[in-house]
Amino acid sequence: MSRAAQGRVLRAWLLALVVACSFLAQGALVQLASAQSITVPENAYSAGAGWRCNYGFARLENQCVTVVPPANGRLTARGDDWECQRGFERADVLCRPIEVPPNGYLSEFSGGRGWECERGYAAQGQECVTVMMPANAYLLDRGDAWSCLRGFRREGLTCVAIVLPENAYLTRDGGGWRCDHGFSRLNERCVALEMPAFAHVSVTGSTWDCNAPRVRRGDLCVATAGTSAAE
């Protein structure tokens, strides 16, 4: 490259640099002017294009006022409001004690009614009432309801024994029954599948399918076109 060409490239590069610096300077001046036009009140700090109150203060129009929690209250995590301590609930500008009924206890976290019932009791209004269980029942994990033992099913407020017919077994949850493989349910019985020739028990175990390449026609397995009768 000749010296003249090198000079032109250098001048173009310098011009681009000057333009870029000019844009940056203009942006900085705009930001400075904007910052100078914002009046940050007492107990506040600049934040972006505006301002925020310090922790323990709340914004009220153009000023920051002190947040004063009542007795048994505390500042929230954000610091611009207050909440009641565990065992108290907010009532207007006060924190009043939560009334826990007999057989109840304070909730671990705030919110809701503020209390839970002991295991074996259920919340009913503002009380904890005993969970009445029938014979052959057990308390669920949460402790405020019941379910029937395996081999029993719920009917109203009782647990009745499940009567297994011949060739049947209890379901996984223990509240019902199914027929063994190769049997189908007929009312309250398990009857053996009646299969035609060239058939087998399906994957469900309660119906049958035809051996390929035969297809089902009613209660028979028939050969398709091009298939011999012996297949």
Foldseek 3Di string as FASTA:
>chain_A
DDPVVVVVVVVVVVVVVVVVVVVVVVVVVVVVVLVVVADQEPQWDDDVSYIDHHAQWADDPRYTHGEDQAPQKDADPSRHYIAHHQQWHDDPRHTHGQDQEPQKDADPDDDDSGIAGHQQWHDDPRYTHGADAEPQWDADPVRHYIAHHQQWHDDPRYTHGDDQEPQKDADPVNHYIAHHQQWADDPRYTHGDDAEPQKDGDPVRHYIAGHPPFHDDPRYTQDDPPDDRVD
